[in-house]
Amino acid sequence: MVAAGKHWMPRVQIWLGEVADPEFPMYADPERPQLLLGSARDDPVQRMVKLANGSAVGSGARFAQCHGIKPRMDLLESLPPEIRGSDSYRTREEASATRSRIRDHLLGCGYVLDAANGDEIFTVYVINLLKAVGDDRGSTKWVYVGETSKAPEERLEQHLAGGTMSNKAAFTYGVDLNEYLMGEIPQVRFRQDALWMEHHVGEELKQRGYKVEGAH
C-alpha cells in the first residue's frame, strides 16, 4: 500500500546492452562486444529501446540513437549473484553501487565497456617536443602521445602548466600540437579503444623514425 499523499515510484533496475551497429569500429578487442551499462526506473529492455528511438534521455541516449543498443540482459543474468545484485533498487544510489561493481567485474574479465555509454569522445593527441642543447633525441621527430576526453588544446595547456596533470617531457620540452599527425588518427567513443589507439599510434610512429614519449 502507498501512504496517502505519497506517489508510488518505480524501482530502479540495471540494464546492460551492446553496440548494435555492425559497422561501429572495434579496436581494443574486435572479438568482444562493446558494452553499455546503465540504470533507470523502467523495464531494462524497454529502456534500451527508448534510448535508441529517442523517446528517453540520459546516459547513452545520443550514442544509442546513432548506433543502437542490443540488449544483453543474458550476460547480466549470467554474472555471479554477488556481482549482479538484486533485480531492482529503491534508490539510484543503491543501484549505482551495484552498477559500479558490475562494471569493474566486466572490465576485469576483459570486456570493453564505457562508463559514459558513448557520450564522450576520446582523442589521441600528439605534442611536438623541442630538443634541448646536447640532447640526442633528434630535432624534428620527437613527440609525446597521449589520449584524452578533453579538447587536445586544453590538454596541451595542462601539460605546459606542469603539476599532477602534466607529463615531465611534455612540460619541459612541449611546443605545440602536431595537427598533421593527429589528422591521421580516428576519434573513438570507448576509453579502452582510446588506450589501445594511443599505444598503437606510439608504436607506429616509432617505426616511422620518431622518438616517442608517453603512448603507454
N, C-alpha and C. Protein backbone atom coordinates (compact mmCIF):
# COMPACT_ATOMS: atom_id res chain seq x y z
N MET A 1 0.83 -1.20 0.00
CA MET A 1 0.00 0.00 0.00
C MET A 1 0.87 1.25 0.00
N VAL A 2 0.45 2.27 -0.75
CA VAL A 2 1.14 3.55 -0.77
C VAL A 2 0.44 4.49 0.18
N ALA A 3 1.19 5.13 1.08
CA ALA A 3 0.60 6.02 2.07
C ALA A 3 -0.11 7.18 1.38
N ALA A 4 -1.21 7.64 1.98
CA ALA A 4 -1.97 8.74 1.41
C ALA A 4 -1.09 9.96 1.22
N GLY A 5 -1.22 10.59 0.07
CA GLY A 5 -0.44 11.79 -0.21
C GLY A 5 0.92 11.52 -0.80
N LYS A 6 1.31 10.24 -0.90
CA LYS A 6 2.61 9.90 -1.46
C LYS A 6 2.42 9.23 -2.82
N HIS A 7 3.34 9.49 -3.72
CA HIS A 7 3.29 8.91 -5.06
C HIS A 7 4.17 7.67 -5.12
N TRP A 8 3.66 6.62 -5.76
CA TRP A 8 4.45 5.41 -5.93
C TRP A 8 5.52 5.65 -6.98
N MET A 9 6.75 5.25 -6.67
CA MET A 9 7.87 5.40 -7.60
C MET A 9 8.35 4.03 -8.05
N PRO A 10 8.47 3.81 -9.35
CA PRO A 10 9.01 2.52 -9.82
C PRO A 10 10.42 2.32 -9.26
N ARG A 11 10.78 1.10 -9.01
CA ARG A 11 12.11 0.80 -8.51
C ARG A 11 13.14 0.89 -9.64
N VAL A 12 14.38 1.13 -9.28
CA VAL A 12 15.46 1.29 -10.24
C VAL A 12 15.98 -0.08 -10.66
N GLN A 13 16.12 -0.28 -11.96
CA GLN A 13 16.66 -1.53 -12.48
C GLN A 13 17.89 -1.25 -13.35
N ILE A 14 18.80 -2.19 -13.38
CA ILE A 14 20.04 -2.05 -14.15
C ILE A 14 19.86 -2.71 -15.51
N TRP A 15 20.37 -2.04 -16.54
CA TRP A 15 20.32 -2.61 -17.89
C TRP A 15 21.73 -2.76 -18.46
N LEU A 16 21.88 -3.74 -19.32
CA LEU A 16 23.17 -3.99 -19.98
C LEU A 16 22.90 -4.29 -21.45
N GLY A 17 23.61 -3.59 -22.32
CA GLY A 17 23.46 -3.83 -23.75
C GLY A 17 24.79 -3.72 -24.46
N GLU A 18 24.78 -3.96 -25.75
CA GLU A 18 25.99 -3.80 -26.54
C GLU A 18 25.67 -2.95 -27.77
N VAL A 19 26.69 -2.37 -28.35
CA VAL A 19 26.51 -1.55 -29.56
C VAL A 19 25.95 -2.43 -30.65
N ALA A 20 24.84 -1.99 -31.24
CA ALA A 20 24.16 -2.81 -32.24
C ALA A 20 24.69 -2.60 -33.66
N ASP A 21 25.31 -1.46 -33.90
CA ASP A 21 25.78 -1.10 -35.24
C ASP A 21 26.92 -2.02 -35.67
N PRO A 22 26.74 -2.87 -36.69
CA PRO A 22 27.81 -3.79 -37.11
C PRO A 22 28.99 -3.08 -37.75
N GLU A 23 28.80 -1.81 -38.13
CA GLU A 23 29.89 -1.04 -38.75
C GLU A 23 30.66 -0.21 -37.73
N PHE A 24 30.26 -0.25 -36.46
CA PHE A 24 30.94 0.57 -35.46
C PHE A 24 32.35 0.02 -35.23
N PRO A 25 33.39 0.90 -35.30
CA PRO A 25 34.77 0.43 -35.18
C PRO A 25 35.05 -0.23 -33.82
N MET A 26 35.81 -1.31 -33.85
CA MET A 26 36.20 -2.02 -32.64
C MET A 26 37.72 -2.17 -32.67
N TYR A 27 38.39 -1.53 -31.75
CA TYR A 27 39.85 -1.53 -31.76
C TYR A 27 40.46 -2.37 -30.64
N ALA A 28 40.03 -2.14 -29.40
CA ALA A 28 40.67 -2.80 -28.26
C ALA A 28 40.53 -4.31 -28.32
N ASP A 29 39.35 -4.80 -28.71
CA ASP A 29 39.12 -6.25 -28.81
C ASP A 29 37.99 -6.49 -29.80
N PRO A 30 38.30 -6.70 -31.07
CA PRO A 30 37.27 -6.92 -32.09
C PRO A 30 36.44 -8.18 -31.88
N GLU A 31 36.88 -9.07 -30.99
CA GLU A 31 36.18 -10.33 -30.76
C GLU A 31 35.12 -10.22 -29.66
N ARG A 32 35.10 -9.10 -28.94
CA ARG A 32 34.16 -8.96 -27.83
C ARG A 32 33.22 -7.80 -28.09
N PRO A 33 31.98 -7.89 -27.57
CA PRO A 33 31.03 -6.78 -27.75
C PRO A 33 31.46 -5.55 -26.97
N GLN A 34 31.09 -4.39 -27.47
CA GLN A 34 31.32 -3.14 -26.76
C GLN A 34 30.07 -2.85 -25.93
N LEU A 35 30.22 -2.89 -24.62
CA LEU A 35 29.08 -2.90 -23.72
C LEU A 35 28.71 -1.50 -23.22
N LEU A 36 27.42 -1.34 -22.97
CA LEU A 36 26.85 -0.13 -22.39
C LEU A 36 26.07 -0.55 -21.15
N LEU A 37 26.21 0.19 -20.06
CA LEU A 37 25.63 -0.20 -18.78
C LEU A 37 24.96 1.00 -18.13
N GLY A 38 23.73 0.82 -17.67
CA GLY A 38 23.04 1.93 -17.04
C GLY A 38 21.95 1.46 -16.10
N SER A 39 21.18 2.41 -15.58
CA SER A 39 20.05 2.08 -14.70
C SER A 39 18.96 3.12 -14.89
N ALA A 40 17.72 2.71 -14.61
CA ALA A 40 16.59 3.62 -14.77
C ALA A 40 15.37 3.04 -14.07
N ARG A 41 14.41 3.90 -13.80
CA ARG A 41 13.13 3.44 -13.24
C ARG A 41 12.23 2.99 -14.39
N ASP A 42 12.64 1.94 -15.05
CA ASP A 42 11.96 1.47 -16.25
C ASP A 42 12.35 0.01 -16.46
N ASP A 43 11.56 -0.71 -17.22
CA ASP A 43 11.96 -2.05 -17.62
C ASP A 43 13.27 -1.95 -18.40
N PRO A 44 14.27 -2.77 -18.07
CA PRO A 44 15.59 -2.63 -18.71
C PRO A 44 15.55 -2.69 -20.24
N VAL A 45 14.85 -3.66 -20.80
CA VAL A 45 14.81 -3.78 -22.26
C VAL A 45 14.07 -2.60 -22.87
N GLN A 46 12.95 -2.20 -22.26
CA GLN A 46 12.22 -1.05 -22.76
C GLN A 46 13.05 0.23 -22.68
N ARG A 47 13.85 0.33 -21.64
CA ARG A 47 14.73 1.50 -21.51
C ARG A 47 15.69 1.59 -22.68
N MET A 48 16.29 0.46 -23.07
CA MET A 48 17.23 0.47 -24.19
C MET A 48 16.53 0.80 -25.50
N VAL A 49 15.30 0.31 -25.66
CA VAL A 49 14.52 0.63 -26.85
C VAL A 49 14.25 2.14 -26.90
N LYS A 50 13.89 2.72 -25.77
CA LYS A 50 13.60 4.15 -25.72
C LYS A 50 14.84 5.00 -25.98
N LEU A 51 15.98 4.57 -25.45
CA LEU A 51 17.22 5.31 -25.72
C LEU A 51 17.54 5.30 -27.21
N ALA A 52 17.32 4.15 -27.84
CA ALA A 52 17.65 4.02 -29.26
C ALA A 52 16.69 4.79 -30.16
N ASN A 53 15.41 4.86 -29.77
CA ASN A 53 14.45 5.55 -30.64
C ASN A 53 14.25 7.02 -30.29
N GLY A 54 14.99 7.49 -29.27
CA GLY A 54 14.94 8.91 -28.95
C GLY A 54 13.82 9.32 -28.02
N SER A 55 13.06 8.37 -27.47
CA SER A 55 11.97 8.73 -26.57
C SER A 55 12.40 8.80 -25.11
N ALA A 56 13.68 8.58 -24.83
CA ALA A 56 14.21 8.71 -23.47
C ALA A 56 15.51 9.50 -23.53
N VAL A 57 15.79 10.22 -22.47
CA VAL A 57 17.04 10.97 -22.36
C VAL A 57 17.88 10.33 -21.26
N GLY A 58 19.13 10.74 -21.19
CA GLY A 58 20.00 10.21 -20.16
C GLY A 58 21.29 9.68 -20.74
N SER A 59 22.07 9.03 -19.89
CA SER A 59 23.37 8.50 -20.30
C SER A 59 23.24 7.55 -21.48
N GLY A 60 23.95 7.84 -22.55
CA GLY A 60 23.97 6.97 -23.72
C GLY A 60 22.90 7.26 -24.76
N ALA A 61 22.02 8.25 -24.50
CA ALA A 61 20.90 8.48 -25.42
C ALA A 61 21.36 8.91 -26.81
N ARG A 62 22.24 9.89 -26.88
CA ARG A 62 22.69 10.37 -28.19
C ARG A 62 23.45 9.28 -28.95
N PHE A 63 24.28 8.56 -28.22
CA PHE A 63 25.05 7.49 -28.84
C PHE A 63 24.11 6.38 -29.34
N ALA A 64 23.13 6.02 -28.52
CA ALA A 64 22.21 4.94 -28.88
C ALA A 64 21.39 5.29 -30.11
N GLN A 65 21.02 6.55 -30.26
CA GLN A 65 20.24 6.95 -31.43
C GLN A 65 21.05 6.81 -32.71
N CYS A 66 22.36 6.94 -32.61
CA CYS A 66 23.24 6.82 -33.79
C CYS A 66 23.62 5.37 -34.08
N HIS A 67 23.86 4.59 -33.03
CA HIS A 67 24.46 3.27 -33.22
C HIS A 67 23.62 2.11 -32.68
N GLY A 68 22.54 2.41 -31.99
CA GLY A 68 21.67 1.36 -31.49
C GLY A 68 22.21 0.62 -30.28
N ILE A 69 21.30 -0.06 -29.58
CA ILE A 69 21.68 -0.90 -28.44
C ILE A 69 21.00 -2.26 -28.59
N LYS A 70 21.78 -3.29 -28.51
CA LYS A 70 21.25 -4.66 -28.48
C LYS A 70 21.24 -5.13 -27.03
N PRO A 71 20.08 -5.45 -26.45
CA PRO A 71 20.04 -5.89 -25.05
C PRO A 71 20.94 -7.10 -24.80
N ARG A 72 21.67 -7.05 -23.68
CA ARG A 72 22.49 -8.17 -23.24
C ARG A 72 22.17 -8.53 -21.80
N MET A 73 20.87 -8.59 -21.51
CA MET A 73 20.46 -8.98 -20.17
C MET A 73 20.86 -10.42 -19.86
N ASP A 74 21.08 -11.22 -20.93
CA ASP A 74 21.56 -12.58 -20.72
C ASP A 74 22.93 -12.59 -20.08
N LEU A 75 23.78 -11.66 -20.51
CA LEU A 75 25.12 -11.56 -19.93
C LEU A 75 25.03 -11.08 -18.48
N LEU A 76 24.17 -10.11 -18.24
CA LEU A 76 23.98 -9.59 -16.88
C LEU A 76 23.50 -10.70 -15.95
N GLU A 77 22.54 -11.47 -16.42
CA GLU A 77 21.96 -12.53 -15.59
C GLU A 77 22.93 -13.68 -15.36
N SER A 78 23.96 -13.80 -16.20
CA SER A 78 24.94 -14.88 -16.06
C SER A 78 26.03 -14.55 -15.04
N LEU A 79 26.06 -13.31 -14.57
CA LEU A 79 27.09 -12.92 -13.61
C LEU A 79 26.83 -13.56 -12.25
N PRO A 80 27.87 -13.75 -11.46
CA PRO A 80 27.69 -14.31 -10.11
C PRO A 80 26.72 -13.45 -9.30
N PRO A 81 25.86 -14.05 -8.48
CA PRO A 81 24.87 -13.29 -7.72
C PRO A 81 25.45 -12.15 -6.90
N GLU A 82 26.65 -12.36 -6.34
CA GLU A 82 27.25 -11.31 -5.53
C GLU A 82 27.71 -10.12 -6.36
N ILE A 83 27.86 -10.32 -7.66
CA ILE A 83 28.20 -9.22 -8.57
C ILE A 83 26.93 -8.61 -9.14
N ARG A 84 26.01 -9.45 -9.57
CA ARG A 84 24.78 -8.99 -10.22
C ARG A 84 23.88 -8.22 -9.27
N GLY A 85 23.82 -8.65 -8.03
CA GLY A 85 22.99 -7.97 -7.05
C GLY A 85 21.51 -8.26 -7.21
N SER A 86 20.67 -7.35 -6.73
CA SER A 86 19.22 -7.53 -6.74
C SER A 86 18.63 -7.21 -8.10
N ASP A 87 17.37 -7.60 -8.29
CA ASP A 87 16.68 -7.31 -9.53
C ASP A 87 16.30 -5.83 -9.64
N SER A 88 16.10 -5.17 -8.49
CA SER A 88 15.72 -3.76 -8.51
C SER A 88 16.15 -3.10 -7.20
N TYR A 89 16.14 -1.76 -7.20
CA TYR A 89 16.63 -0.99 -6.05
C TYR A 89 15.68 0.16 -5.76
N ARG A 90 15.64 0.54 -4.51
CA ARG A 90 14.75 1.62 -4.09
C ARG A 90 15.26 2.97 -4.55
N THR A 91 16.58 3.17 -4.50
CA THR A 91 17.16 4.46 -4.87
C THR A 91 18.20 4.30 -5.97
N ARG A 92 18.47 5.40 -6.67
CA ARG A 92 19.51 5.41 -7.70
C ARG A 92 20.89 5.19 -7.08
N GLU A 93 21.08 5.66 -5.85
CA GLU A 93 22.37 5.49 -5.18
C GLU A 93 22.67 4.01 -4.95
N GLU A 94 21.65 3.25 -4.52
CA GLU A 94 21.83 1.82 -4.30
C GLU A 94 22.17 1.12 -5.62
N ALA A 95 21.46 1.50 -6.68
CA ALA A 95 21.71 0.90 -7.99
C ALA A 95 23.10 1.27 -8.51
N SER A 96 23.53 2.50 -8.22
CA SER A 96 24.83 2.98 -8.69
C SER A 96 25.97 2.14 -8.12
N ALA A 97 25.86 1.79 -6.84
CA ALA A 97 26.91 0.98 -6.21
C ALA A 97 27.02 -0.38 -6.90
N THR A 98 25.87 -0.99 -7.19
CA THR A 98 25.88 -2.29 -7.89
C THR A 98 26.38 -2.14 -9.32
N ARG A 99 25.97 -1.06 -9.98
CA ARG A 99 26.41 -0.83 -11.36
C ARG A 99 27.93 -0.70 -11.42
N SER A 100 28.51 -0.03 -10.45
CA SER A 100 29.98 0.10 -10.40
C SER A 100 30.64 -1.25 -10.20
N ARG A 101 30.03 -2.07 -9.37
CA ARG A 101 30.59 -3.42 -9.13
C ARG A 101 30.51 -4.27 -10.39
N ILE A 102 29.40 -4.18 -11.11
CA ILE A 102 29.24 -4.91 -12.38
C ILE A 102 30.26 -4.42 -13.40
N ARG A 103 30.40 -3.10 -13.50
CA ARG A 103 31.36 -2.51 -14.44
C ARG A 103 32.77 -3.03 -14.18
N ASP A 104 33.19 -2.96 -12.91
CA ASP A 104 34.55 -3.38 -12.57
C ASP A 104 34.75 -4.87 -12.85
N HIS A 105 33.73 -5.67 -12.61
CA HIS A 105 33.83 -7.11 -12.87
C HIS A 105 33.97 -7.39 -14.36
N LEU A 106 33.14 -6.73 -15.17
CA LEU A 106 33.20 -6.96 -16.62
C LEU A 106 34.53 -6.48 -17.20
N LEU A 107 35.01 -5.34 -16.73
CA LEU A 107 36.31 -4.86 -17.19
C LEU A 107 37.42 -5.83 -16.79
N GLY A 108 37.31 -6.35 -15.57
CA GLY A 108 38.30 -7.31 -15.10
C GLY A 108 38.29 -8.61 -15.89
N CYS A 109 37.13 -8.92 -16.48
CA CYS A 109 37.01 -10.13 -17.32
C CYS A 109 37.44 -9.86 -18.76
N GLY A 110 37.84 -8.63 -19.06
CA GLY A 110 38.33 -8.32 -20.39
C GLY A 110 37.31 -7.74 -21.35
N TYR A 111 36.10 -7.47 -20.86
CA TYR A 111 35.09 -6.87 -21.74
C TYR A 111 35.41 -5.39 -22.00
N VAL A 112 34.95 -4.90 -23.14
CA VAL A 112 35.08 -3.50 -23.49
C VAL A 112 33.80 -2.79 -23.05
N LEU A 113 33.91 -1.86 -22.12
CA LEU A 113 32.74 -1.19 -21.55
C LEU A 113 33.08 0.26 -21.29
N ASP A 114 32.17 1.14 -21.68
CA ASP A 114 32.40 2.57 -21.48
C ASP A 114 31.48 3.10 -20.40
N ALA A 115 32.06 3.68 -19.35
CA ALA A 115 31.27 4.20 -18.23
C ALA A 115 30.35 5.34 -18.65
N ALA A 116 30.72 6.06 -19.70
CA ALA A 116 29.91 7.18 -20.17
C ALA A 116 28.92 6.77 -21.26
N ASN A 117 28.87 5.48 -21.57
CA ASN A 117 27.94 4.95 -22.57
C ASN A 117 28.03 5.66 -23.92
N GLY A 118 29.25 5.93 -24.33
CA GLY A 118 29.47 6.51 -25.65
C GLY A 118 29.25 8.00 -25.75
N ASP A 119 28.93 8.66 -24.62
CA ASP A 119 28.64 10.09 -24.66
C ASP A 119 29.90 10.95 -24.75
N GLU A 120 31.06 10.38 -24.43
CA GLU A 120 32.31 11.13 -24.52
C GLU A 120 33.06 10.76 -25.80
N ILE A 121 33.82 11.72 -26.30
CA ILE A 121 34.66 11.48 -27.47
C ILE A 121 36.12 11.54 -27.03
N PHE A 122 36.87 10.51 -27.34
CA PHE A 122 38.28 10.45 -26.95
C PHE A 122 39.16 10.73 -28.16
N THR A 123 40.19 11.51 -27.92
CA THR A 123 41.13 11.90 -28.98
C THR A 123 42.54 11.50 -28.58
N VAL A 124 43.26 10.89 -29.49
CA VAL A 124 44.70 10.68 -29.30
C VAL A 124 45.41 11.92 -29.85
N TYR A 125 46.20 12.56 -29.00
CA TYR A 125 46.87 13.80 -29.39
C TYR A 125 48.38 13.61 -29.42
N VAL A 126 49.04 14.42 -30.22
CA VAL A 126 50.49 14.34 -30.40
C VAL A 126 51.08 15.73 -30.16
N ILE A 127 52.02 15.81 -29.24
CA ILE A 127 52.68 17.08 -28.92
C ILE A 127 54.10 17.06 -29.46
N ASN A 128 54.45 18.09 -30.21
CA ASN A 128 55.83 18.24 -30.67
C ASN A 128 56.72 18.62 -29.50
N LEU A 129 57.85 17.94 -29.37
CA LEU A 129 58.83 18.24 -28.32
C LEU A 129 60.07 18.83 -28.96
N LEU A 130 60.61 19.86 -28.31
CA LEU A 130 61.78 20.56 -28.83
C LEU A 130 63.03 20.05 -28.14
N LYS A 131 64.02 19.69 -28.94
CA LYS A 131 65.27 19.16 -28.41
C LYS A 131 66.03 20.20 -27.61
N ALA A 132 66.55 19.79 -26.46
CA ALA A 132 67.42 20.66 -25.68
C ALA A 132 68.84 20.57 -26.24
N VAL A 133 69.64 21.56 -26.00
CA VAL A 133 71.02 21.58 -26.48
C VAL A 133 71.77 20.37 -25.90
N GLY A 134 72.43 19.63 -26.78
CA GLY A 134 73.19 18.47 -26.34
C GLY A 134 72.37 17.20 -26.22
N ASP A 135 71.07 17.29 -26.50
CA ASP A 135 70.21 16.10 -26.41
C ASP A 135 70.33 15.30 -27.71
N ASP A 136 70.21 13.97 -27.61
CA ASP A 136 70.38 13.13 -28.80
C ASP A 136 69.05 12.61 -29.35
N ARG A 137 67.94 13.21 -28.95
CA ARG A 137 66.64 12.68 -29.37
C ARG A 137 66.27 13.10 -30.78
N GLY A 138 66.93 14.03 -31.36
CA GLY A 138 66.56 14.49 -32.70
C GLY A 138 65.75 15.77 -32.61
N SER A 139 65.87 16.63 -33.61
CA SER A 139 65.30 17.97 -33.51
C SER A 139 63.88 18.09 -34.04
N THR A 140 63.46 17.21 -34.93
CA THR A 140 62.15 17.41 -35.56
C THR A 140 61.20 16.23 -35.40
N LYS A 141 61.68 15.09 -34.89
CA LYS A 141 60.83 13.90 -34.83
C LYS A 141 60.80 13.33 -33.42
N TRP A 142 60.54 14.21 -32.46
CA TRP A 142 60.42 13.81 -31.06
C TRP A 142 59.05 14.27 -30.59
N VAL A 143 58.21 13.35 -30.13
CA VAL A 143 56.83 13.70 -29.80
C VAL A 143 56.38 13.00 -28.52
N TYR A 144 55.33 13.57 -27.94
CA TYR A 144 54.62 12.93 -26.83
C TYR A 144 53.24 12.53 -27.34
N VAL A 145 52.81 11.31 -27.03
CA VAL A 145 51.50 10.81 -27.46
C VAL A 145 50.65 10.50 -26.24
N GLY A 146 49.43 11.02 -26.22
CA GLY A 146 48.51 10.76 -25.12
C GLY A 146 47.08 10.64 -25.63
N GLU A 147 46.16 10.35 -24.73
CA GLU A 147 44.73 10.29 -25.09
C GLU A 147 43.94 11.09 -24.07
N THR A 148 42.82 11.65 -24.51
CA THR A 148 42.02 12.50 -23.62
C THR A 148 40.58 12.60 -24.09
N SER A 149 39.68 12.88 -23.15
CA SER A 149 38.30 13.20 -23.49
C SER A 149 38.10 14.71 -23.52
N LYS A 150 39.15 15.46 -23.21
CA LYS A 150 39.12 16.91 -23.28
C LYS A 150 39.48 17.36 -24.69
N ALA A 151 39.37 18.65 -24.95
CA ALA A 151 39.88 19.18 -26.20
C ALA A 151 41.41 19.06 -26.18
N PRO A 152 42.05 18.62 -27.27
CA PRO A 152 43.51 18.47 -27.27
C PRO A 152 44.23 19.76 -26.87
N GLU A 153 43.68 20.91 -27.26
CA GLU A 153 44.29 22.20 -26.91
C GLU A 153 44.30 22.40 -25.39
N GLU A 154 43.21 21.99 -24.74
CA GLU A 154 43.14 22.10 -23.28
C GLU A 154 44.14 21.17 -22.62
N ARG A 155 44.26 19.96 -23.17
CA ARG A 155 45.21 19.00 -22.59
C ARG A 155 46.64 19.49 -22.76
N LEU A 156 46.94 20.11 -23.91
CA LEU A 156 48.27 20.68 -24.12
C LEU A 156 48.57 21.73 -23.06
N GLU A 157 47.62 22.61 -22.80
CA GLU A 157 47.81 23.66 -21.80
C GLU A 157 48.07 23.07 -20.42
N GLN A 158 47.40 21.97 -20.09
CA GLN A 158 47.64 21.33 -18.81
C GLN A 158 49.06 20.80 -18.72
N HIS A 159 49.55 20.20 -19.81
CA HIS A 159 50.93 19.70 -19.81
C HIS A 159 51.91 20.86 -19.62
N LEU A 160 51.70 21.95 -20.35
CA LEU A 160 52.64 23.07 -20.31
C LEU A 160 52.61 23.80 -18.97
N ALA A 161 51.49 23.66 -18.24
CA ALA A 161 51.36 24.32 -16.93
C ALA A 161 52.07 23.54 -15.83
N GLY A 162 52.37 22.27 -16.09
CA GLY A 162 53.03 21.45 -15.08
C GLY A 162 52.04 20.94 -14.05
N GLY A 163 52.55 20.24 -13.03
CA GLY A 163 51.69 19.71 -11.98
C GLY A 163 51.32 18.26 -12.22
N THR A 164 50.34 17.78 -11.45
CA THR A 164 49.98 16.37 -11.48
C THR A 164 49.34 15.93 -12.79
N MET A 165 48.79 16.86 -13.57
CA MET A 165 48.15 16.52 -14.84
C MET A 165 49.10 16.62 -16.01
N SER A 166 50.39 16.80 -15.72
CA SER A 166 51.36 17.01 -16.79
C SER A 166 52.38 15.88 -16.86
N ASN A 167 52.81 15.56 -18.07
CA ASN A 167 53.93 14.65 -18.28
C ASN A 167 55.23 15.45 -18.23
N LYS A 168 56.27 14.88 -17.64
CA LYS A 168 57.52 15.61 -17.45
C LYS A 168 58.12 16.06 -18.77
N ALA A 169 58.18 15.17 -19.76
CA ALA A 169 58.76 15.52 -21.06
C ALA A 169 57.91 16.57 -21.76
N ALA A 170 56.58 16.44 -21.69
CA ALA A 170 55.71 17.41 -22.35
C ALA A 170 55.81 18.77 -21.68
N PHE A 171 55.96 18.79 -20.36
CA PHE A 171 56.10 20.06 -19.63
C PHE A 171 57.42 20.74 -19.96
N THR A 172 58.49 19.97 -19.99
CA THR A 172 59.83 20.53 -20.17
C THR A 172 60.11 20.91 -21.62
N TYR A 173 59.65 20.08 -22.57
CA TYR A 173 60.04 20.28 -23.97
C TYR A 173 58.85 20.53 -24.92
N GLY A 174 57.63 20.51 -24.39
CA GLY A 174 56.45 20.65 -25.24
C GLY A 174 56.38 21.99 -25.97
N VAL A 175 55.98 21.95 -27.23
CA VAL A 175 55.88 23.16 -28.05
C VAL A 175 54.43 23.40 -28.48
N ASP A 176 53.91 22.48 -29.29
CA ASP A 176 52.55 22.63 -29.80
C ASP A 176 52.03 21.27 -30.26
N LEU A 177 50.78 21.25 -30.69
CA LEU A 177 50.19 20.01 -31.20
C LEU A 177 50.63 19.75 -32.63
N ASN A 178 50.88 18.49 -32.94
CA ASN A 178 51.22 18.12 -34.30
C ASN A 178 49.91 17.77 -35.03
N GLU A 179 49.29 18.79 -35.59
CA GLU A 179 47.98 18.62 -36.24
C GLU A 179 48.06 17.67 -37.43
N TYR A 180 49.19 17.64 -38.09
CA TYR A 180 49.34 16.77 -39.26
C TYR A 180 49.22 15.31 -38.85
N LEU A 181 49.97 14.90 -37.83
CA LEU A 181 49.91 13.51 -37.38
C LEU A 181 48.55 13.19 -36.77
N MET A 182 47.99 14.14 -36.04
CA MET A 182 46.69 13.91 -35.40
C MET A 182 45.58 13.72 -36.44
N GLY A 183 45.74 14.32 -37.59
CA GLY A 183 44.73 14.19 -38.63
C GLY A 183 44.60 12.78 -39.16
N GLU A 184 45.59 11.94 -38.90
CA GLU A 184 45.57 10.55 -39.36
C GLU A 184 44.89 9.61 -38.37
N ILE A 185 44.56 10.12 -37.16
CA ILE A 185 44.11 9.26 -36.07
C ILE A 185 42.60 9.42 -35.85
N PRO A 186 41.83 8.37 -35.93
CA PRO A 186 40.38 8.48 -35.71
C PRO A 186 40.05 8.72 -34.23
N GLN A 187 39.00 9.50 -33.98
CA GLN A 187 38.50 9.64 -32.62
C GLN A 187 37.66 8.41 -32.28
N VAL A 188 37.56 8.10 -30.98
CA VAL A 188 36.82 6.91 -30.55
C VAL A 188 35.88 7.27 -29.41
N ARG A 189 34.97 6.35 -29.08
CA ARG A 189 33.96 6.60 -28.06
C ARG A 189 34.16 5.76 -26.80
N PHE A 190 35.08 4.79 -26.84
CA PHE A 190 35.31 3.94 -25.68
C PHE A 190 36.72 4.19 -25.16
N ARG A 191 36.86 4.33 -23.84
CA ARG A 191 38.16 4.61 -23.25
C ARG A 191 39.17 3.51 -23.58
N GLN A 192 38.74 2.26 -23.55
CA GLN A 192 39.67 1.17 -23.85
C GLN A 192 40.17 1.25 -25.29
N ASP A 193 39.30 1.68 -26.21
CA ASP A 193 39.74 1.88 -27.58
C ASP A 193 40.75 3.02 -27.66
N ALA A 194 40.53 4.07 -26.84
CA ALA A 194 41.47 5.20 -26.84
C ALA A 194 42.84 4.77 -26.33
N LEU A 195 42.86 3.96 -25.29
CA LEU A 195 44.13 3.48 -24.75
C LEU A 195 44.84 2.59 -25.76
N TRP A 196 44.06 1.73 -26.44
CA TRP A 196 44.65 0.88 -27.49
C TRP A 196 45.22 1.76 -28.60
N MET A 197 44.45 2.76 -29.01
CA MET A 197 44.88 3.63 -30.11
C MET A 197 46.13 4.42 -29.73
N GLU A 198 46.19 4.89 -28.48
CA GLU A 198 47.36 5.63 -28.01
C GLU A 198 48.62 4.76 -28.16
N HIS A 199 48.55 3.53 -27.69
CA HIS A 199 49.71 2.63 -27.78
C HIS A 199 50.03 2.31 -29.24
N HIS A 200 49.01 2.04 -30.03
CA HIS A 200 49.20 1.70 -31.44
C HIS A 200 49.86 2.85 -32.20
N VAL A 201 49.40 4.07 -31.96
CA VAL A 201 49.97 5.24 -32.64
C VAL A 201 51.43 5.40 -32.23
N GLY A 202 51.71 5.23 -30.94
CA GLY A 202 53.09 5.34 -30.48
C GLY A 202 54.01 4.35 -31.17
N GLU A 203 53.56 3.11 -31.27
CA GLU A 203 54.38 2.09 -31.91
C GLU A 203 54.57 2.38 -33.40
N GLU A 204 53.51 2.85 -34.05
CA GLU A 204 53.61 3.17 -35.48
C GLU A 204 54.56 4.32 -35.73
N LEU A 205 54.51 5.33 -34.87
CA LEU A 205 55.41 6.47 -35.03
C LEU A 205 56.87 6.06 -34.80
N LYS A 206 57.09 5.15 -33.87
CA LYS A 206 58.45 4.65 -33.66
C LYS A 206 58.97 3.98 -34.92
N GLN A 207 58.10 3.21 -35.59
CA GLN A 207 58.50 2.54 -36.83
C GLN A 207 58.80 3.54 -37.94
N ARG A 208 58.19 4.72 -37.84
CA ARG A 208 58.42 5.77 -38.84
C ARG A 208 59.60 6.68 -38.48
N GLY A 209 60.33 6.31 -37.43
CA GLY A 209 61.53 7.04 -37.06
C GLY A 209 61.38 8.09 -36.00
N TYR A 210 60.21 8.18 -35.37
CA TYR A 210 60.01 9.16 -34.29
C TYR A 210 60.52 8.62 -32.97
N LYS A 211 60.99 9.53 -32.13
CA LYS A 211 61.25 9.23 -30.72
C LYS A 211 59.95 9.56 -29.98
N VAL A 212 59.40 8.61 -29.24
CA VAL A 212 58.07 8.80 -28.68
C VAL A 212 58.10 8.72 -27.15
N GLU A 213 57.49 9.72 -26.53
CA GLU A 213 57.24 9.71 -25.09
C GLU A 213 55.76 9.41 -24.89
N GLY A 214 55.41 8.87 -23.71
CA GLY A 214 54.01 8.52 -23.45
C GLY A 214 53.61 7.26 -24.19
N ALA A 215 52.43 7.27 -24.81
CA ALA A 215 51.94 6.12 -25.60
C ALA A 215 52.00 4.83 -24.79
N HIS A 216 51.46 4.87 -23.58
CA HIS A 216 51.55 3.70 -22.70
C HIS A 216 50.73 2.54 -23.21
